[in-house]
Amino acid sequence: MNLDRPVILGVVFGVLIGGVNAALQIHELRLKSTVVQPKGVSVLIPGAVGRLLFVVVAWWLAFRYTEADKYWLTGALAVTYTAPLLVQLKQLIFPKR
């Protein structure tokens, strides 16, 4: 396997975009849990749409204006985006005692 410049750029941009999105999501969930607000999924929708829009625009900009490899970019983004969600799911299914 040859790790040339496009591959490295793809991984770096994918991790960066996914990491920023995950950090924004974790921040919003912590903020929502400390502030008393109405319960329900509809409270989280505006933030989720904003984060999704950020991911799509950043992904498109990385494709359009860099020479990043699209497969490595998408793979790194998917892994970085999914990892914090899996940790949260594990904590939901197996809560600490």
N, C-alpha and C. Protein backbone atom coordinates (compact mmCIF):
# COMPACT_ATOMS: atom_id res chain seq x y z
N MET A 1 0.85 -1.17 0.00
CA MET A 1 0.00 0.00 0.00
C MET A 1 0.90 1.24 0.00
N ASN A 2 0.53 2.18 -0.84
CA ASN A 2 1.32 3.39 -1.00
C ASN A 2 0.63 4.55 -0.31
N LEU A 3 1.25 5.10 0.72
CA LEU A 3 0.68 6.24 1.43
C LEU A 3 1.24 7.53 0.84
N ASP A 4 0.63 7.98 -0.23
CA ASP A 4 1.08 9.20 -0.85
C ASP A 4 0.28 10.39 -0.32
N ARG A 5 0.53 11.55 -0.85
CA ARG A 5 -0.07 12.80 -0.36
C ARG A 5 -1.61 12.79 -0.37
N PRO A 6 -2.28 12.35 -1.45
CA PRO A 6 -3.75 12.34 -1.42
C PRO A 6 -4.34 11.45 -0.33
N VAL A 7 -3.69 10.32 -0.08
CA VAL A 7 -4.18 9.42 0.97
C VAL A 7 -4.04 10.07 2.34
N ILE A 8 -2.89 10.66 2.60
CA ILE A 8 -2.66 11.32 3.90
C ILE A 8 -3.63 12.49 4.07
N LEU A 9 -3.82 13.28 3.02
CA LEU A 9 -4.78 14.39 3.11
C LEU A 9 -6.19 13.89 3.34
N GLY A 10 -6.56 12.79 2.70
CA GLY A 10 -7.89 12.22 2.90
C GLY A 10 -8.11 11.79 4.34
N VAL A 11 -7.12 11.13 4.92
CA VAL A 11 -7.25 10.68 6.31
C VAL A 11 -7.29 11.88 7.25
N VAL A 12 -6.41 12.86 7.03
CA VAL A 12 -6.36 14.02 7.92
C VAL A 12 -7.67 14.81 7.86
N PHE A 13 -8.15 15.10 6.66
CA PHE A 13 -9.40 15.85 6.55
C PHE A 13 -10.60 15.05 7.07
N GLY A 14 -10.62 13.75 6.83
CA GLY A 14 -11.70 12.92 7.34
C GLY A 14 -11.75 12.90 8.86
N VAL A 15 -10.58 12.74 9.48
CA VAL A 15 -10.51 12.73 10.95
C VAL A 15 -10.87 14.11 11.50
N LEU A 16 -10.40 15.15 10.84
CA LEU A 16 -10.69 16.51 11.29
C LEU A 16 -12.18 16.82 11.22
N ILE A 17 -12.81 16.53 10.11
CA ILE A 17 -14.25 16.80 9.95
C ILE A 17 -15.05 15.95 10.93
N GLY A 18 -14.76 14.66 11.00
CA GLY A 18 -15.49 13.78 11.91
C GLY A 18 -15.27 14.13 13.37
N GLY A 19 -14.04 14.52 13.72
CA GLY A 19 -13.73 14.88 15.10
C GLY A 19 -14.43 16.16 15.54
N VAL A 20 -14.44 17.16 14.65
CA VAL A 20 -15.15 18.41 14.98
C VAL A 20 -16.64 18.14 15.13
N ASN A 21 -17.20 17.32 14.25
CA ASN A 21 -18.62 17.01 14.35
C ASN A 21 -18.94 16.25 15.64
N ALA A 22 -18.11 15.29 15.99
CA ALA A 22 -18.33 14.53 17.22
C ALA A 22 -18.20 15.42 18.45
N ALA A 23 -17.21 16.31 18.44
CA ALA A 23 -17.05 17.23 19.57
C ALA A 23 -18.25 18.17 19.71
N LEU A 24 -18.76 18.66 18.59
CA LEU A 24 -19.95 19.51 18.63
C LEU A 24 -21.16 18.75 19.17
N GLN A 25 -21.29 17.50 18.76
CA GLN A 25 -22.42 16.70 19.23
C GLN A 25 -22.32 16.42 20.72
N ILE A 26 -21.16 16.05 21.19
CA ILE A 26 -21.00 15.77 22.62
C ILE A 26 -21.22 17.03 23.44
N HIS A 27 -20.71 18.16 22.95
CA HIS A 27 -20.92 19.44 23.63
C HIS A 27 -22.41 19.78 23.72
N GLU A 28 -23.13 19.60 22.63
CA GLU A 28 -24.56 19.92 22.64
C GLU A 28 -25.33 18.98 23.56
N LEU A 29 -24.99 17.70 23.58
CA LEU A 29 -25.68 16.78 24.47
C LEU A 29 -25.43 17.12 25.94
N ARG A 30 -24.20 17.50 26.27
CA ARG A 30 -23.91 17.90 27.65
C ARG A 30 -24.63 19.19 28.01
N LEU A 31 -24.69 20.12 27.08
CA LEU A 31 -25.39 21.38 27.31
C LEU A 31 -26.89 21.15 27.49
N LYS A 32 -27.46 20.28 26.67
CA LYS A 32 -28.89 20.00 26.76
C LYS A 32 -29.24 19.26 28.05
N SER A 33 -28.31 18.47 28.57
CA SER A 33 -28.61 17.72 29.79
C SER A 33 -28.53 18.61 31.03
N THR A 34 -27.76 19.71 30.97
CA THR A 34 -27.66 20.58 32.14
C THR A 34 -28.76 21.64 32.18
N VAL A 35 -29.26 22.04 31.03
CA VAL A 35 -30.31 23.06 30.96
C VAL A 35 -31.67 22.37 30.96
N VAL A 36 -32.59 22.85 31.78
CA VAL A 36 -33.92 22.27 31.83
C VAL A 36 -34.68 22.71 30.59
N GLN A 37 -35.04 21.72 29.76
CA GLN A 37 -35.77 21.98 28.53
C GLN A 37 -36.83 20.92 28.37
N PRO A 38 -37.77 21.17 27.48
CA PRO A 38 -38.78 20.15 27.23
C PRO A 38 -38.13 18.88 26.70
N LYS A 39 -38.64 17.76 27.13
CA LYS A 39 -38.10 16.48 26.69
C LYS A 39 -38.61 16.15 25.30
N GLY A 40 -37.84 15.34 24.61
CA GLY A 40 -38.25 14.89 23.29
C GLY A 40 -37.15 15.04 22.27
N VAL A 41 -37.34 14.39 21.17
CA VAL A 41 -36.35 14.40 20.10
C VAL A 41 -36.34 15.73 19.37
N SER A 42 -37.48 16.41 19.33
CA SER A 42 -37.56 17.65 18.56
C SER A 42 -36.64 18.75 19.10
N VAL A 43 -36.21 18.64 20.33
CA VAL A 43 -35.28 19.62 20.91
C VAL A 43 -33.90 19.48 20.28
N LEU A 44 -33.53 18.27 19.88
CA LEU A 44 -32.20 18.02 19.33
C LEU A 44 -32.11 18.20 17.82
N ILE A 45 -33.25 18.36 17.14
CA ILE A 45 -33.25 18.41 15.67
C ILE A 45 -32.48 19.60 15.10
N PRO A 46 -32.64 20.84 15.59
CA PRO A 46 -31.89 21.95 14.98
C PRO A 46 -30.37 21.77 15.04
N GLY A 47 -29.86 21.30 16.14
CA GLY A 47 -28.42 21.07 16.25
C GLY A 47 -27.95 19.95 15.34
N ALA A 48 -28.77 18.90 15.23
CA ALA A 48 -28.40 17.78 14.36
C ALA A 48 -28.37 18.20 12.91
N VAL A 49 -29.32 19.02 12.49
CA VAL A 49 -29.35 19.49 11.11
C VAL A 49 -28.14 20.38 10.84
N GLY A 50 -27.79 21.24 11.78
CA GLY A 50 -26.62 22.10 11.62
C GLY A 50 -25.34 21.31 11.52
N ARG A 51 -25.18 20.26 12.35
CA ARG A 51 -23.98 19.43 12.29
C ARG A 51 -23.92 18.64 11.00
N LEU A 52 -25.06 18.13 10.55
CA LEU A 52 -25.09 17.40 9.30
C LEU A 52 -24.74 18.31 8.12
N LEU A 53 -25.24 19.52 8.14
CA LEU A 53 -24.91 20.49 7.10
C LEU A 53 -23.42 20.81 7.13
N PHE A 54 -22.84 20.95 8.32
CA PHE A 54 -21.40 21.19 8.45
C PHE A 54 -20.62 20.04 7.82
N VAL A 55 -21.00 18.80 8.11
CA VAL A 55 -20.27 17.64 7.59
C VAL A 55 -20.35 17.60 6.06
N VAL A 56 -21.52 17.82 5.51
CA VAL A 56 -21.69 17.76 4.06
C VAL A 56 -20.89 18.87 3.37
N VAL A 57 -20.96 20.09 3.89
CA VAL A 57 -20.24 21.21 3.27
C VAL A 57 -18.73 21.01 3.41
N ALA A 58 -18.25 20.61 4.57
CA ALA A 58 -16.81 20.39 4.77
C ALA A 58 -16.32 19.25 3.89
N TRP A 59 -17.10 18.19 3.76
CA TRP A 59 -16.76 17.05 2.91
C TRP A 59 -16.66 17.48 1.45
N TRP A 60 -17.63 18.26 1.01
CA TRP A 60 -17.64 18.75 -0.37
C TRP A 60 -16.45 19.68 -0.63
N LEU A 61 -16.17 20.58 0.31
CA LEU A 61 -15.03 21.49 0.15
C LEU A 61 -13.70 20.73 0.09
N ALA A 62 -13.57 19.69 0.91
CA ALA A 62 -12.35 18.89 0.88
C ALA A 62 -12.20 18.17 -0.46
N PHE A 63 -13.30 17.70 -1.04
CA PHE A 63 -13.24 17.07 -2.36
C PHE A 63 -12.91 18.09 -3.44
N ARG A 64 -13.54 19.22 -3.36
CA ARG A 64 -13.47 20.21 -4.44
C ARG A 64 -12.12 20.93 -4.49
N TYR A 65 -11.59 21.31 -3.34
CA TYR A 65 -10.44 22.20 -3.31
C TYR A 65 -9.14 21.57 -2.82
N THR A 66 -9.15 20.28 -2.55
CA THR A 66 -7.91 19.60 -2.17
C THR A 66 -7.74 18.37 -3.04
N GLU A 67 -6.58 17.79 -2.97
CA GLU A 67 -6.33 16.57 -3.73
C GLU A 67 -6.50 15.33 -2.86
N ALA A 68 -7.29 15.44 -1.82
CA ALA A 68 -7.50 14.32 -0.89
C ALA A 68 -8.18 13.16 -1.61
N ASP A 69 -7.75 11.96 -1.29
CA ASP A 69 -8.36 10.76 -1.84
C ASP A 69 -9.77 10.59 -1.26
N LYS A 70 -10.75 10.48 -2.14
CA LYS A 70 -12.14 10.48 -1.67
C LYS A 70 -12.50 9.25 -0.85
N TYR A 71 -11.89 8.12 -1.13
CA TYR A 71 -12.21 6.91 -0.38
C TYR A 71 -11.62 6.96 1.03
N TRP A 72 -10.39 7.41 1.16
CA TRP A 72 -9.78 7.55 2.48
C TRP A 72 -10.47 8.65 3.29
N LEU A 73 -10.84 9.73 2.63
CA LEU A 73 -11.55 10.82 3.30
C LEU A 73 -12.87 10.32 3.86
N THR A 74 -13.63 9.64 3.02
CA THR A 74 -14.94 9.14 3.45
C THR A 74 -14.80 8.07 4.53
N GLY A 75 -13.83 7.19 4.40
CA GLY A 75 -13.61 6.15 5.41
C GLY A 75 -13.20 6.72 6.76
N ALA A 76 -12.25 7.66 6.74
CA ALA A 76 -11.80 8.28 7.99
C ALA A 76 -12.93 9.08 8.63
N LEU A 77 -13.71 9.75 7.81
CA LEU A 77 -14.86 10.51 8.32
C LEU A 77 -15.87 9.57 8.96
N ALA A 78 -16.17 8.47 8.31
CA ALA A 78 -17.15 7.52 8.84
C ALA A 78 -16.69 6.92 10.17
N VAL A 79 -15.42 6.55 10.25
CA VAL A 79 -14.91 5.95 11.49
C VAL A 79 -14.90 6.98 12.62
N THR A 80 -14.42 8.18 12.33
CA THR A 80 -14.34 9.21 13.36
C THR A 80 -15.72 9.69 13.77
N TYR A 81 -16.65 9.71 12.85
CA TYR A 81 -18.02 10.13 13.14
C TYR A 81 -18.76 9.08 13.96
N THR A 82 -18.48 7.80 13.70
CA THR A 82 -19.21 6.71 14.33
C THR A 82 -18.67 6.33 15.71
N ALA A 83 -17.38 6.48 15.94
CA ALA A 83 -16.78 6.02 17.20
C ALA A 83 -17.43 6.63 18.44
N PRO A 84 -17.62 7.96 18.53
CA PRO A 84 -18.26 8.50 19.73
C PRO A 84 -19.72 8.04 19.90
N LEU A 85 -20.39 7.81 18.78
CA LEU A 85 -21.77 7.33 18.87
C LEU A 85 -21.81 5.91 19.43
N LEU A 86 -20.86 5.09 19.06
CA LEU A 86 -20.81 3.73 19.60
C LEU A 86 -20.49 3.74 21.09
N VAL A 87 -19.63 4.66 21.52
CA VAL A 87 -19.32 4.78 22.95
C VAL A 87 -20.57 5.20 23.72
N GLN A 88 -21.32 6.16 23.18
CA GLN A 88 -22.56 6.59 23.83
C GLN A 88 -23.58 5.46 23.87
N LEU A 89 -23.68 4.69 22.79
CA LEU A 89 -24.60 3.56 22.75
C LEU A 89 -24.22 2.51 23.78
N LYS A 90 -22.92 2.25 23.93
CA LYS A 90 -22.45 1.29 24.93
C LYS A 90 -22.80 1.76 26.33
N GLN A 91 -22.64 3.08 26.59
CA GLN A 91 -22.98 3.61 27.90
C GLN A 91 -24.48 3.57 28.14
N LEU A 92 -25.27 3.70 27.10
CA LEU A 92 -26.72 3.63 27.24
C LEU A 92 -27.18 2.20 27.55
N ILE A 93 -26.56 1.22 26.86
CA ILE A 93 -26.95 -0.17 27.05
C ILE A 93 -26.38 -0.73 28.35
N PHE A 94 -25.12 -0.40 28.64
CA PHE A 94 -24.45 -0.89 29.85
C PHE A 94 -24.05 0.28 30.73
N PRO A 95 -24.98 0.87 31.48
CA PRO A 95 -24.65 2.05 32.31
C PRO A 95 -23.71 1.67 33.46
N LYS A 96 -22.91 2.65 33.86
CA LYS A 96 -22.01 2.44 35.00
C LYS A 96 -22.83 2.37 36.28
N ARG A 97 -22.38 1.52 37.20
CA ARG A 97 -23.12 1.35 38.45
C ARG A 97 -22.60 2.22 39.52
